[in-house]
Amino acid sequence: MTVLRQERLDGPSGEALLAAFMAEIVPLYPGWTPDTGPSATADELSPPTGLFLVAYVDDEPVGCGGIKRLSDEAAELKRLYVAPTVRNQSVARALVAALEDAARDAGYQVVRLDTGAEQPAAVRLFRSAGYIEIDDYNANPFASYWFEKRL
């Protein structure tokens, strides 16, 4: 069973998951760093305008994701990551749904996100969750797809 907990990105679980995220992303997108493109700092992914969730299975942190404020109406989904050992077990779907609920509860009307061409599973996930492709909204040089979902 997946348990989601609100934590900070710079907490122990968040730091470990972000390191795993980076280890997977950097080979896909040489030159990428957490400071490349749109920001996703611990403070941005914290209340009152953001949120960061960690997914646990058997008390082990296995996934994460956050939202940050883009405007009064829009939040951005950031740092969605699920460990390979638990992929295809609905952990990502649970995180996305909980982050959408948190965005809605915070008064946002839309969630946006970007992803790259080297992550076809992410593209499939977002499309199947009701996200539609939109024009580039954040000038992320490593993104190939930009999506949004009305809440």
N, C-alpha and C. Protein backbone atom coordinates (compact mmCIF):
# COMPACT_ATOMS: atom_id res chain seq x y z
N MET A 1 0.83 -1.19 0.00
CA MET A 1 0.00 0.00 0.00
C MET A 1 0.88 1.25 0.00
N THR A 2 0.52 2.20 -0.84
CA THR A 2 1.26 3.45 -0.94
C THR A 2 0.71 4.46 0.05
N VAL A 3 1.60 5.07 0.82
CA VAL A 3 1.25 6.12 1.76
C VAL A 3 1.96 7.39 1.30
N LEU A 4 1.22 8.48 1.19
CA LEU A 4 1.79 9.76 0.79
C LEU A 4 1.91 10.67 2.00
N ARG A 5 3.08 11.28 2.14
CA ARG A 5 3.32 12.19 3.26
C ARG A 5 3.84 13.52 2.74
N GLN A 6 3.30 14.59 3.29
CA GLN A 6 3.81 15.92 2.97
C GLN A 6 5.11 16.12 3.72
N GLU A 7 6.16 16.44 2.98
CA GLU A 7 7.48 16.67 3.56
C GLU A 7 8.12 17.83 2.83
N ARG A 8 9.38 18.09 3.13
CA ARG A 8 10.14 19.11 2.40
C ARG A 8 11.05 18.41 1.41
N LEU A 9 11.24 19.06 0.28
CA LEU A 9 12.16 18.55 -0.74
C LEU A 9 13.56 18.37 -0.17
N ASP A 10 13.97 19.27 0.73
CA ASP A 10 15.31 19.19 1.29
C ASP A 10 15.38 18.36 2.57
N GLY A 11 14.34 17.59 2.86
CA GLY A 11 14.37 16.63 3.96
C GLY A 11 15.12 15.38 3.53
N PRO A 12 15.37 14.45 4.44
CA PRO A 12 16.16 13.26 4.11
C PRO A 12 15.58 12.43 2.96
N SER A 13 14.29 12.18 2.98
CA SER A 13 13.68 11.37 1.91
C SER A 13 13.68 12.13 0.59
N GLY A 14 13.36 13.41 0.65
CA GLY A 14 13.36 14.22 -0.56
C GLY A 14 14.74 14.30 -1.19
N GLU A 15 15.75 14.50 -0.38
CA GLU A 15 17.13 14.57 -0.89
C GLU A 15 17.53 13.25 -1.55
N ALA A 16 17.19 12.12 -0.92
CA ALA A 16 17.55 10.82 -1.48
C ALA A 16 16.82 10.57 -2.80
N LEU A 17 15.54 10.92 -2.84
CA LEU A 17 14.77 10.72 -4.07
C LEU A 17 15.23 11.68 -5.18
N LEU A 18 15.58 12.91 -4.81
CA LEU A 18 16.07 13.84 -5.81
C LEU A 18 17.41 13.36 -6.39
N ALA A 19 18.26 12.76 -5.56
CA ALA A 19 19.52 12.20 -6.06
C ALA A 19 19.26 11.07 -7.05
N ALA A 20 18.28 10.22 -6.74
CA ALA A 20 17.92 9.13 -7.66
C ALA A 20 17.33 9.70 -8.95
N PHE A 21 16.50 10.72 -8.83
CA PHE A 21 15.92 11.41 -9.98
C PHE A 21 17.04 11.94 -10.88
N MET A 22 18.01 12.63 -10.27
CA MET A 22 19.10 13.21 -11.05
C MET A 22 19.95 12.13 -11.70
N ALA A 23 20.19 11.03 -11.00
CA ALA A 23 20.99 9.94 -11.57
C ALA A 23 20.31 9.36 -12.81
N GLU A 24 19.00 9.41 -12.86
CA GLU A 24 18.27 8.90 -14.01
C GLU A 24 18.15 9.94 -15.12
N ILE A 25 17.98 11.20 -14.77
CA ILE A 25 17.74 12.25 -15.75
C ILE A 25 19.02 12.69 -16.47
N VAL A 26 20.11 12.84 -15.76
CA VAL A 26 21.34 13.36 -16.37
C VAL A 26 21.81 12.53 -17.57
N PRO A 27 21.80 11.19 -17.50
CA PRO A 27 22.20 10.45 -18.71
C PRO A 27 21.23 10.64 -19.89
N LEU A 28 19.96 10.90 -19.59
CA LEU A 28 18.99 11.12 -20.66
C LEU A 28 19.15 12.48 -21.30
N TYR A 29 19.53 13.46 -20.50
CA TYR A 29 19.63 14.85 -20.95
C TYR A 29 20.98 15.42 -20.50
N PRO A 30 22.06 15.07 -21.19
CA PRO A 30 23.38 15.58 -20.80
C PRO A 30 23.38 17.10 -20.66
N GLY A 31 23.96 17.54 -19.57
CA GLY A 31 24.01 18.97 -19.29
C GLY A 31 22.92 19.44 -18.36
N TRP A 32 21.91 18.60 -18.11
CA TRP A 32 20.84 19.01 -17.21
C TRP A 32 21.35 19.01 -15.77
N THR A 33 20.93 20.02 -15.02
CA THR A 33 21.13 20.09 -13.57
C THR A 33 19.84 20.62 -12.97
N PRO A 34 19.67 20.47 -11.66
CA PRO A 34 18.46 21.03 -11.04
C PRO A 34 18.33 22.54 -11.22
N ASP A 35 19.44 23.21 -11.53
CA ASP A 35 19.41 24.65 -11.73
C ASP A 35 19.18 25.06 -13.18
N THR A 36 19.08 24.06 -14.08
CA THR A 36 18.84 24.34 -15.49
C THR A 36 17.33 24.46 -15.71
N GLY A 37 16.92 25.47 -16.41
CA GLY A 37 15.50 25.63 -16.70
C GLY A 37 14.73 26.13 -15.50
N PRO A 38 13.42 25.87 -15.48
CA PRO A 38 12.56 26.37 -14.41
C PRO A 38 12.98 25.85 -13.03
N SER A 39 12.87 26.69 -12.05
CA SER A 39 13.29 26.34 -10.69
C SER A 39 12.29 25.42 -10.00
N ALA A 40 12.81 24.71 -9.01
CA ALA A 40 11.99 23.87 -8.15
C ALA A 40 12.70 23.75 -6.81
N THR A 41 12.72 24.85 -6.07
CA THR A 41 13.42 24.88 -4.79
C THR A 41 12.53 24.30 -3.69
N ALA A 42 13.16 23.95 -2.59
CA ALA A 42 12.41 23.44 -1.44
C ALA A 42 11.37 24.46 -0.98
N ASP A 43 11.73 25.73 -0.97
CA ASP A 43 10.77 26.75 -0.53
C ASP A 43 9.61 26.90 -1.51
N GLU A 44 9.89 26.81 -2.83
CA GLU A 44 8.82 26.91 -3.82
C GLU A 44 7.85 25.73 -3.71
N LEU A 45 8.37 24.57 -3.31
CA LEU A 45 7.54 23.37 -3.19
C LEU A 45 7.05 23.18 -1.75
N SER A 46 6.80 24.29 -1.07
CA SER A 46 6.32 24.27 0.32
C SER A 46 5.13 25.20 0.46
N PRO A 47 4.26 24.92 1.46
CA PRO A 47 3.13 25.82 1.71
C PRO A 47 3.62 27.23 2.03
N PRO A 48 2.83 28.22 1.74
CA PRO A 48 1.41 28.14 1.37
C PRO A 48 1.14 28.03 -0.13
N THR A 49 2.15 28.24 -0.97
CA THR A 49 1.89 28.26 -2.41
C THR A 49 2.32 26.99 -3.13
N GLY A 50 2.98 26.08 -2.42
CA GLY A 50 3.44 24.84 -3.02
C GLY A 50 3.30 23.68 -2.06
N LEU A 51 3.78 22.53 -2.51
CA LEU A 51 3.65 21.31 -1.70
C LEU A 51 4.60 20.27 -2.27
N PHE A 52 5.16 19.44 -1.40
CA PHE A 52 6.00 18.33 -1.83
C PHE A 52 5.53 17.08 -1.10
N LEU A 53 5.30 16.01 -1.86
CA LEU A 53 4.85 14.75 -1.30
C LEU A 53 5.88 13.66 -1.54
N VAL A 54 6.01 12.79 -0.55
CA VAL A 54 6.85 11.61 -0.68
C VAL A 54 5.94 10.39 -0.56
N ALA A 55 6.12 9.45 -1.50
CA ALA A 55 5.37 8.20 -1.49
C ALA A 55 6.20 7.13 -0.79
N TYR A 56 5.54 6.43 0.12
CA TYR A 56 6.19 5.35 0.85
C TYR A 56 5.48 4.04 0.58
N VAL A 57 6.25 2.98 0.41
CA VAL A 57 5.74 1.62 0.36
C VAL A 57 6.54 0.84 1.39
N ASP A 58 5.86 0.23 2.33
CA ASP A 58 6.52 -0.48 3.43
C ASP A 58 7.54 0.41 4.13
N ASP A 59 7.15 1.66 4.39
CA ASP A 59 7.98 2.65 5.09
C ASP A 59 9.26 3.03 4.35
N GLU A 60 9.37 2.66 3.09
CA GLU A 60 10.51 3.05 2.27
C GLU A 60 10.08 4.16 1.31
N PRO A 61 10.84 5.27 1.23
CA PRO A 61 10.49 6.31 0.26
C PRO A 61 10.77 5.82 -1.16
N VAL A 62 9.73 5.81 -1.99
CA VAL A 62 9.84 5.25 -3.34
C VAL A 62 9.43 6.22 -4.44
N GLY A 63 8.96 7.38 -4.08
CA GLY A 63 8.52 8.33 -5.09
C GLY A 63 8.27 9.69 -4.48
N CYS A 64 8.19 10.69 -5.37
CA CYS A 64 7.95 12.05 -4.90
C CYS A 64 7.41 12.92 -6.02
N GLY A 65 6.98 14.07 -5.65
CA GLY A 65 6.52 15.07 -6.59
C GLY A 65 6.06 16.29 -5.84
N GLY A 66 6.04 17.41 -6.55
CA GLY A 66 5.63 18.63 -5.90
C GLY A 66 4.88 19.54 -6.84
N ILE A 67 4.30 20.57 -6.27
CA ILE A 67 3.69 21.65 -7.04
C ILE A 67 4.27 22.96 -6.54
N LYS A 68 4.38 23.89 -7.49
CA LYS A 68 4.81 25.24 -7.14
C LYS A 68 3.90 26.22 -7.85
N ARG A 69 3.84 27.41 -7.34
CA ARG A 69 3.00 28.48 -7.90
C ARG A 69 3.63 29.04 -9.16
N LEU A 70 2.83 29.12 -10.21
CA LEU A 70 3.21 29.86 -11.41
C LEU A 70 2.52 31.22 -11.44
N SER A 71 1.26 31.23 -11.02
CA SER A 71 0.45 32.46 -10.97
C SER A 71 -0.67 32.19 -9.98
N ASP A 72 -1.54 33.17 -9.78
CA ASP A 72 -2.67 32.94 -8.88
C ASP A 72 -3.56 31.80 -9.36
N GLU A 73 -3.59 31.56 -10.67
CA GLU A 73 -4.46 30.54 -11.24
C GLU A 73 -3.76 29.21 -11.53
N ALA A 74 -2.43 29.22 -11.69
CA ALA A 74 -1.73 28.04 -12.20
C ALA A 74 -0.61 27.57 -11.27
N ALA A 75 -0.56 26.26 -11.11
CA ALA A 75 0.54 25.61 -10.40
C ALA A 75 1.29 24.73 -11.40
N GLU A 76 2.53 24.43 -11.08
CA GLU A 76 3.34 23.58 -11.94
C GLU A 76 3.74 22.33 -11.17
N LEU A 77 3.57 21.18 -11.80
CA LEU A 77 3.98 19.91 -11.22
C LEU A 77 5.47 19.73 -11.50
N LYS A 78 6.24 19.45 -10.44
CA LYS A 78 7.70 19.37 -10.54
C LYS A 78 8.21 18.12 -9.83
N ARG A 79 9.35 17.65 -10.30
CA ARG A 79 10.15 16.59 -9.67
C ARG A 79 9.36 15.31 -9.40
N LEU A 80 8.49 14.96 -10.34
CA LEU A 80 7.78 13.69 -10.23
C LEU A 80 8.77 12.57 -10.51
N TYR A 81 8.93 11.69 -9.56
CA TYR A 81 9.86 10.58 -9.69
C TYR A 81 9.32 9.38 -8.93
N VAL A 82 9.47 8.21 -9.55
CA VAL A 82 9.11 6.94 -8.91
C VAL A 82 10.26 5.98 -9.14
N ALA A 83 10.69 5.32 -8.07
CA ALA A 83 11.80 4.37 -8.16
C ALA A 83 11.44 3.24 -9.13
N PRO A 84 12.41 2.78 -9.91
CA PRO A 84 12.15 1.71 -10.88
C PRO A 84 11.53 0.45 -10.26
N THR A 85 11.84 0.16 -9.00
CA THR A 85 11.34 -1.06 -8.35
C THR A 85 9.84 -1.06 -8.14
N VAL A 86 9.20 0.13 -8.18
CA VAL A 86 7.75 0.19 -7.94
C VAL A 86 7.00 0.84 -9.10
N ARG A 87 7.65 0.96 -10.23
CA ARG A 87 6.94 1.52 -11.39
C ARG A 87 5.87 0.55 -11.85
N ASN A 88 4.85 1.09 -12.49
CA ASN A 88 3.69 0.32 -12.96
C ASN A 88 2.89 -0.27 -11.80
N GLN A 89 2.95 0.38 -10.65
CA GLN A 89 2.16 -0.03 -9.49
C GLN A 89 1.29 1.12 -8.99
N SER A 90 1.02 2.08 -9.85
CA SER A 90 0.13 3.22 -9.60
C SER A 90 0.66 4.24 -8.60
N VAL A 91 1.95 4.17 -8.28
CA VAL A 91 2.53 5.16 -7.36
C VAL A 91 2.51 6.55 -8.02
N ALA A 92 2.92 6.63 -9.27
CA ALA A 92 2.92 7.93 -9.96
C ALA A 92 1.50 8.48 -10.07
N ARG A 93 0.55 7.62 -10.40
CA ARG A 93 -0.84 8.08 -10.49
C ARG A 93 -1.34 8.62 -9.15
N ALA A 94 -0.98 7.94 -8.06
CA ALA A 94 -1.38 8.41 -6.74
C ALA A 94 -0.76 9.77 -6.43
N LEU A 95 0.51 9.93 -6.77
CA LEU A 95 1.16 11.22 -6.55
C LEU A 95 0.52 12.32 -7.38
N VAL A 96 0.30 12.07 -8.66
CA VAL A 96 -0.30 13.09 -9.53
C VAL A 96 -1.69 13.48 -9.01
N ALA A 97 -2.51 12.50 -8.67
CA ALA A 97 -3.86 12.79 -8.18
C ALA A 97 -3.82 13.60 -6.88
N ALA A 98 -2.93 13.24 -5.97
CA ALA A 98 -2.83 13.97 -4.70
C ALA A 98 -2.31 15.39 -4.93
N LEU A 99 -1.37 15.55 -5.84
CA LEU A 99 -0.87 16.90 -6.14
C LEU A 99 -1.93 17.76 -6.81
N GLU A 100 -2.73 17.16 -7.68
CA GLU A 100 -3.84 17.89 -8.29
C GLU A 100 -4.84 18.31 -7.22
N ASP A 101 -5.15 17.41 -6.28
CA ASP A 101 -6.07 17.76 -5.19
C ASP A 101 -5.52 18.91 -4.35
N ALA A 102 -4.22 18.86 -4.06
CA ALA A 102 -3.60 19.92 -3.27
C ALA A 102 -3.64 21.25 -4.03
N ALA A 103 -3.40 21.20 -5.33
CA ALA A 103 -3.46 22.42 -6.15
C ALA A 103 -4.88 22.99 -6.14
N ARG A 104 -5.85 22.12 -6.29
CA ARG A 104 -7.26 22.55 -6.27
C ARG A 104 -7.58 23.17 -4.91
N ASP A 105 -7.17 22.51 -3.83
CA ASP A 105 -7.44 23.01 -2.48
C ASP A 105 -6.76 24.36 -2.23
N ALA A 106 -5.64 24.60 -2.90
CA ALA A 106 -4.92 25.87 -2.75
C ALA A 106 -5.50 26.98 -3.62
N GLY A 107 -6.52 26.64 -4.41
CA GLY A 107 -7.18 27.63 -5.23
C GLY A 107 -6.69 27.73 -6.66
N TYR A 108 -5.78 26.87 -7.04
CA TYR A 108 -5.33 26.88 -8.44
C TYR A 108 -6.41 26.29 -9.34
N GLN A 109 -6.46 26.77 -10.57
CA GLN A 109 -7.47 26.31 -11.52
C GLN A 109 -6.88 25.38 -12.58
N VAL A 110 -5.55 25.38 -12.69
CA VAL A 110 -4.89 24.57 -13.71
C VAL A 110 -3.53 24.11 -13.18
N VAL A 111 -3.13 22.91 -13.61
CA VAL A 111 -1.78 22.41 -13.33
C VAL A 111 -1.07 22.27 -14.66
N ARG A 112 0.15 22.77 -14.72
CA ARG A 112 0.98 22.65 -15.92
C ARG A 112 2.22 21.83 -15.59
N LEU A 113 2.85 21.30 -16.63
CA LEU A 113 4.08 20.56 -16.45
C LEU A 113 4.79 20.45 -17.78
N ASP A 114 6.06 20.09 -17.70
CA ASP A 114 6.81 19.80 -18.91
C ASP A 114 7.54 18.48 -18.72
N THR A 115 7.92 17.86 -19.82
CA THR A 115 8.71 16.64 -19.78
C THR A 115 9.48 16.53 -21.09
N GLY A 116 10.43 15.64 -21.10
CA GLY A 116 11.30 15.53 -22.26
C GLY A 116 10.97 14.35 -23.15
N ALA A 117 11.55 14.37 -24.33
CA ALA A 117 11.31 13.33 -25.33
C ALA A 117 11.87 11.98 -24.92
N GLU A 118 12.82 11.96 -23.99
CA GLU A 118 13.42 10.70 -23.55
C GLU A 118 12.63 10.01 -22.44
N GLN A 119 11.44 10.52 -22.15
CA GLN A 119 10.60 9.95 -21.09
C GLN A 119 9.21 9.60 -21.63
N PRO A 120 9.13 8.64 -22.54
CA PRO A 120 7.83 8.31 -23.13
C PRO A 120 6.81 7.79 -22.11
N ALA A 121 7.26 7.14 -21.06
CA ALA A 121 6.31 6.66 -20.03
C ALA A 121 5.65 7.84 -19.33
N ALA A 122 6.40 8.91 -19.11
CA ALA A 122 5.83 10.10 -18.48
C ALA A 122 4.80 10.74 -19.40
N VAL A 123 5.10 10.82 -20.68
CA VAL A 123 4.15 11.38 -21.64
C VAL A 123 2.86 10.57 -21.63
N ARG A 124 2.99 9.25 -21.63
CA ARG A 124 1.78 8.38 -21.58
C ARG A 124 1.00 8.59 -20.29
N LEU A 125 1.70 8.68 -19.17
CA LEU A 125 1.04 8.90 -17.88
C LEU A 125 0.23 10.19 -17.91
N PHE A 126 0.86 11.28 -18.32
CA PHE A 126 0.17 12.57 -18.29
C PHE A 126 -1.01 12.60 -19.25
N ARG A 127 -0.84 12.06 -20.43
CA ARG A 127 -1.97 12.01 -21.37
C ARG A 127 -3.11 11.18 -20.79
N SER A 128 -2.80 10.05 -20.20
CA SER A 128 -3.86 9.18 -19.66
C SER A 128 -4.52 9.79 -18.43
N ALA A 129 -3.84 10.73 -17.77
CA ALA A 129 -4.40 11.40 -16.60
C ALA A 129 -5.19 12.65 -16.98
N GLY A 130 -5.36 12.90 -18.29
CA GLY A 130 -6.19 14.01 -18.73
C GLY A 130 -5.45 15.29 -19.06
N TYR A 131 -4.14 15.24 -19.11
CA TYR A 131 -3.37 16.42 -19.49
C TYR A 131 -3.38 16.57 -21.00
N ILE A 132 -3.47 17.82 -21.46
CA ILE A 132 -3.45 18.09 -22.89
C ILE A 132 -2.20 18.90 -23.23
N GLU A 133 -1.69 18.69 -24.43
CA GLU A 133 -0.50 19.42 -24.85
C GLU A 133 -0.83 20.88 -25.07
N ILE A 134 0.11 21.71 -24.65
CA ILE A 134 -0.01 23.16 -24.82
C ILE A 134 1.32 23.68 -25.38
N ASP A 135 1.35 24.97 -25.73
CA ASP A 135 2.58 25.60 -26.18
C ASP A 135 3.56 25.73 -25.01
N ASP A 136 4.82 25.86 -25.35
CA ASP A 136 5.89 26.08 -24.38
C ASP A 136 5.53 27.27 -23.50
N TYR A 137 5.46 27.07 -22.20
CA TYR A 137 5.10 28.15 -21.28
C TYR A 137 6.26 28.55 -20.37
N ASN A 138 7.38 27.80 -20.42
CA ASN A 138 8.44 28.09 -19.45
C ASN A 138 9.86 28.10 -20.03
N ALA A 139 10.00 27.93 -21.32
CA ALA A 139 11.31 27.98 -21.99
C ALA A 139 12.32 27.00 -21.42
N ASN A 140 11.85 25.84 -20.98
CA ASN A 140 12.76 24.81 -20.49
C ASN A 140 13.50 24.22 -21.69
N PRO A 141 14.82 24.38 -21.74
CA PRO A 141 15.55 23.93 -22.93
C PRO A 141 15.62 22.40 -23.08
N PHE A 142 15.29 21.66 -22.02
CA PHE A 142 15.34 20.21 -22.08
C PHE A 142 13.97 19.58 -22.29
N ALA A 143 12.92 20.37 -22.29
CA ALA A 143 11.57 19.85 -22.46
C ALA A 143 11.22 19.76 -23.95
N SER A 144 10.39 18.76 -24.25
CA SER A 144 9.86 18.59 -25.60
C SER A 144 8.34 18.65 -25.60
N TYR A 145 7.76 18.47 -24.42
CA TYR A 145 6.30 18.45 -24.26
C TYR A 145 5.93 19.36 -23.10
N TRP A 146 4.86 20.11 -23.30
CA TRP A 146 4.28 20.94 -22.26
C TRP A 146 2.80 20.58 -22.17
N PHE A 147 2.31 20.37 -20.95
CA PHE A 147 0.94 19.91 -20.74
C PHE A 147 0.26 20.77 -19.70
N GLU A 148 -1.07 20.73 -19.72
CA GLU A 148 -1.85 21.32 -18.64
C GLU A 148 -3.13 20.54 -18.46
N LYS A 149 -3.68 20.69 -17.26
CA LYS A 149 -4.96 20.06 -16.93
C LYS A 149 -5.75 21.05 -16.11
N ARG A 150 -6.99 21.30 -16.54
CA ARG A 150 -7.90 22.14 -15.77
C ARG A 150 -8.41 21.33 -14.59
N LEU A 151 -8.47 21.99 -13.44
CA LEU A 151 -8.90 21.29 -12.22
C LEU A 151 -10.39 21.45 -11.97
